[in-house]
Amino acid sequence: MAGIKTSKASLRNKMKKVIKKIPVPERQKQSIVVVKKLFNLNEYRNAKTVSVFLSMDTEIDTEPIVRRIFEDGKQCFVPRYNRHTMQMVELHSVEDWANLPVTKWNIKQPSFEDNRRDAMDAGLDLIIVPGVAFTKKGERLGHGGGYYDIYLSTIIKKQAKSPAMVGVAFKEQIVDEIPCEETDVQIDLVLYDDK
């Protein structure tokens, strides 16, 4: 167990350095490709409720995804974290997104004082998942807090039909192997620029 945690921490540190080295124009180019792939998925087209993370500079840019969710008349849910938990709560509009406060990690996030509908009550059809590294078969290395693994395992148990879980990544984030524990949730699909 300690060996897996050490291996994960080592891979996480290595991948963060790899991601940082990707030039900004290349990140932008890959983001456009990945977002286009997402919009062509049946899992996206058929979804009525979509959860999407609000990206940092070192992640696939999710702003176009948020905008498109509203253009397509879907319901949009985004994460809000504190030290102990993560919820997915509803965003009402692009303006609502634009006015969200920014956390100390420089990520937009709804305030815990805002009374927003929780996706655990609404149900989700599609969850767009972040990560530091992914394998092609859907293994995922997160940022180390366990928030998404806990959330995904909870919502899978709660909903009659499991949501589609799709990772979005830069091609540099695709690795052959990720050390996994019992609590790690494998996702359905990883989108990246494979050209």
Protein backbone atom coordinates (compact mmCIF):
# COMPACT_ATOMS: atom_id res chain seq x y z
CA MET A 1 0.00 0.00 0.00
CA ALA A 2 2.74 2.46 0.99
CA GLY A 3 4.64 1.38 -2.13
CA ILE A 4 1.70 2.27 -4.38
CA LYS A 5 1.27 5.65 -2.70
CA THR A 6 4.99 6.38 -3.18
CA SER A 7 4.83 5.29 -6.83
CA LYS A 8 1.79 7.50 -7.40
CA ALA A 9 3.48 10.50 -5.78
CA SER A 10 6.57 9.97 -7.90
CA LEU A 11 4.55 9.69 -11.14
CA ARG A 12 2.47 12.72 -10.15
CA ASN A 13 5.61 14.84 -9.65
CA LYS A 14 7.11 13.64 -12.93
CA MET A 15 3.88 14.34 -14.86
CA LYS A 16 3.48 17.83 -13.40
CA LYS A 17 6.93 18.68 -14.77
CA VAL A 18 6.05 17.18 -18.16
CA ILE A 19 2.80 19.18 -18.34
CA LYS A 20 4.52 22.42 -17.33
CA LYS A 21 6.93 22.02 -20.26
CA ILE A 22 4.13 21.88 -22.84
CA PRO A 23 4.20 25.30 -24.57
CA VAL A 24 1.01 27.35 -24.13
CA PRO A 25 0.22 27.42 -27.90
CA GLU A 26 0.50 23.61 -27.95
CA ARG A 27 -1.84 23.33 -24.93
CA GLN A 28 -4.33 25.57 -26.73
CA LYS A 29 -4.08 23.51 -29.94
CA GLN A 30 -4.58 20.23 -28.12
CA SER A 31 -7.48 21.69 -26.09
CA ILE A 32 -9.32 22.57 -29.31
CA VAL A 33 -8.86 19.02 -30.67
CA VAL A 34 -9.99 17.37 -27.42
CA VAL A 35 -13.03 19.62 -27.00
CA LYS A 36 -14.10 18.89 -30.60
CA LYS A 37 -13.81 15.15 -29.91
CA LEU A 38 -15.97 15.54 -26.80
CA PHE A 39 -18.74 17.32 -28.70
CA ASN A 40 -18.80 14.48 -31.26
CA LEU A 41 -19.32 11.79 -28.62
CA ASN A 42 -22.77 10.22 -28.28
CA GLU A 43 -22.21 10.37 -24.51
CA TYR A 44 -22.13 14.17 -24.81
CA ARG A 45 -24.89 14.50 -27.42
CA ASN A 46 -27.32 12.34 -25.44
CA ALA A 47 -26.52 13.86 -22.04
CA LYS A 48 -29.00 16.21 -20.40
CA THR A 49 -26.89 16.76 -17.27
CA VAL A 50 -23.12 17.28 -17.57
CA SER A 51 -20.50 17.81 -14.89
CA VAL A 52 -17.29 19.54 -15.94
CA PHE A 53 -14.27 20.66 -13.93
CA LEU A 54 -13.18 24.30 -14.22
CA SER A 55 -9.67 24.07 -15.59
CA MET A 56 -6.33 25.42 -14.46
CA ASP A 57 -3.69 26.60 -16.98
CA THR A 58 -2.06 23.17 -16.90
CA GLU A 59 -5.24 21.34 -17.97
CA ILE A 60 -7.35 21.05 -21.10
CA ASP A 61 -9.27 24.35 -21.34
CA THR A 62 -12.85 23.63 -20.26
CA GLU A 63 -14.28 27.13 -20.81
CA PRO A 64 -15.51 26.18 -24.33
CA ILE A 65 -17.18 23.11 -22.81
CA VAL A 66 -19.05 25.21 -20.23
CA ARG A 67 -20.21 27.60 -22.95
CA ARG A 68 -21.35 24.80 -25.27
CA ILE A 69 -23.27 23.00 -22.50
CA PHE A 70 -25.44 26.10 -22.13
CA GLU A 71 -25.72 26.65 -25.91
CA ASP A 72 -26.96 23.06 -26.23
CA GLY A 73 -29.59 23.54 -23.51
CA LYS A 74 -28.03 21.04 -21.11
CA GLN A 75 -27.72 21.42 -17.34
CA CYS A 76 -24.17 22.18 -16.17
CA PHE A 77 -22.67 21.09 -12.86
CA VAL A 78 -19.23 22.08 -11.57
CA PRO A 79 -17.16 21.04 -8.56
CA ARG A 80 -16.76 22.92 -5.34
CA TYR A 81 -14.21 21.65 -2.85
CA ASN A 82 -13.26 22.21 0.72
CA ARG A 83 -10.64 20.31 2.73
CA HIS A 84 -12.96 17.37 3.34
CA THR A 85 -15.30 16.98 0.39
CA MET A 86 -16.25 17.76 -3.18
CA GLN A 87 -19.75 18.43 -4.47
CA MET A 88 -20.99 18.98 -8.01
CA VAL A 89 -23.38 21.92 -8.01
CA GLU A 90 -25.42 23.54 -10.75
CA LEU A 91 -24.29 26.54 -12.75
CA HIS A 92 -27.17 28.61 -14.08
CA SER A 93 -25.58 30.38 -17.06
CA VAL A 94 -22.34 31.50 -18.69
CA GLU A 95 -22.72 34.76 -16.71
CA ASP A 96 -22.98 32.74 -13.50
CA TRP A 97 -19.72 30.98 -14.47
CA ALA A 98 -18.01 34.31 -15.32
CA ASN A 99 -18.92 35.73 -11.91
CA LEU A 100 -17.72 32.80 -9.79
CA PRO A 101 -15.18 33.63 -7.08
CA VAL A 102 -11.61 32.37 -7.55
CA THR A 103 -9.99 30.08 -4.96
CA LYS A 104 -6.46 30.32 -3.60
CA TRP A 105 -5.53 27.73 -6.28
CA ASN A 106 -6.72 30.23 -8.92
CA ILE A 107 -9.72 28.08 -9.89
CA LYS A 108 -13.25 29.42 -10.25
CA GLN A 109 -15.56 27.76 -7.76
CA PRO A 110 -19.09 28.34 -6.44
CA SER A 111 -19.11 29.52 -2.84
CA PHE A 112 -20.30 27.11 -0.16
CA GLU A 113 -22.65 29.91 0.94
CA ASP A 114 -24.48 29.73 -2.41
CA ASN A 115 -27.58 27.56 -2.31
CA ARG A 116 -27.21 25.49 -5.49
CA ARG A 117 -28.77 22.25 -6.68
CA ASP A 118 -26.53 19.25 -5.98
CA ALA A 119 -25.88 16.75 -8.78
CA MET A 120 -26.35 13.91 -6.28
CA ASP A 121 -30.02 14.94 -6.22
CA ALA A 122 -30.31 15.85 -9.91
CA GLY A 123 -28.37 12.90 -11.34
CA LEU A 124 -25.62 13.11 -13.96
CA ASP A 125 -25.42 11.64 -17.47
CA LEU A 126 -21.80 12.64 -18.16
CA ILE A 127 -18.87 13.53 -15.91
CA ILE A 128 -15.83 15.16 -17.54
CA VAL A 129 -12.90 14.19 -15.36
CA PRO A 130 -9.51 15.88 -14.82
CA GLY A 131 -6.27 14.10 -14.07
CA VAL A 132 -2.51 14.36 -14.00
CA ALA A 133 -2.03 11.15 -16.03
CA PHE A 134 -4.21 8.57 -17.77
CA THR A 135 -3.80 5.22 -19.49
CA LYS A 136 -5.64 4.48 -22.73
CA LYS A 137 -7.79 1.95 -20.89
CA GLY A 138 -9.10 4.55 -18.42
CA GLU A 139 -6.84 4.35 -15.39
CA ARG A 140 -6.39 7.80 -13.91
CA LEU A 141 -3.94 9.55 -11.62
CA GLY A 142 -5.51 12.55 -9.95
CA HIS A 143 -3.96 15.42 -8.03
CA GLY A 144 -3.75 13.32 -4.84
CA GLY A 145 -6.77 14.43 -2.82
CA GLY A 146 -9.00 11.48 -3.75
CA TYR A 147 -11.94 13.83 -4.38
CA TYR A 148 -12.92 12.44 -7.77
CA ASP A 149 -12.48 8.77 -6.84
CA ILE A 150 -14.73 9.23 -3.80
CA TYR A 151 -17.28 11.23 -5.81
CA LEU A 152 -17.34 8.81 -8.75
CA SER A 153 -17.72 5.71 -6.57
CA THR A 154 -20.54 7.42 -4.61
CA ILE A 155 -22.52 8.55 -7.65
CA ILE A 156 -22.11 5.16 -9.37
CA LYS A 157 -23.73 3.51 -6.32
CA LYS A 158 -26.45 6.18 -6.02
CA GLN A 159 -27.69 6.33 -9.61
CA ALA A 160 -29.66 3.52 -11.26
CA LYS A 161 -27.63 4.09 -14.45
CA SER A 162 -23.97 5.01 -14.06
CA PRO A 163 -22.91 8.27 -15.69
CA ALA A 164 -20.45 8.17 -18.57
CA MET A 165 -17.03 9.18 -17.21
CA VAL A 166 -14.71 10.82 -19.73
CA GLY A 167 -11.20 12.11 -19.07
CA VAL A 168 -9.69 14.95 -21.10
CA ALA A 169 -5.92 15.16 -21.42
CA PHE A 170 -2.91 16.41 -23.31
CA LYS A 171 -1.22 13.62 -25.28
CA GLU A 172 1.80 14.00 -22.99
CA GLN A 173 -0.41 12.86 -20.08
CA ILE A 174 -1.02 9.42 -21.60
CA VAL A 175 1.16 6.79 -19.94
CA ASP A 176 1.43 3.01 -20.23
CA GLU A 177 0.80 2.26 -16.58
CA ILE A 178 -0.56 3.88 -13.43
CA PRO A 179 -0.19 2.25 -10.00
CA CYS A 180 -3.77 1.62 -8.81
CA GLU A 181 -5.45 0.95 -5.49
CA GLU A 182 -8.88 -0.54 -4.75
CA THR A 183 -10.32 2.94 -4.26
CA ASP A 184 -9.24 4.19 -7.72
CA VAL A 185 -12.15 4.41 -10.15
CA GLN A 186 -11.46 3.53 -13.77
CA ILE A 187 -13.14 5.89 -16.24
CA ASP A 188 -14.84 4.90 -19.50
CA LEU A 189 -12.83 6.88 -22.01
CA VAL A 190 -9.90 9.29 -22.27
CA LEU A 191 -9.88 11.96 -24.98
CA TYR A 192 -6.56 13.36 -26.21
CA ASP A 193 -4.97 14.57 -29.44
CA ASP A 194 -3.74 11.28 -30.88
CA LYS A 195 -2.43 12.67 -34.18
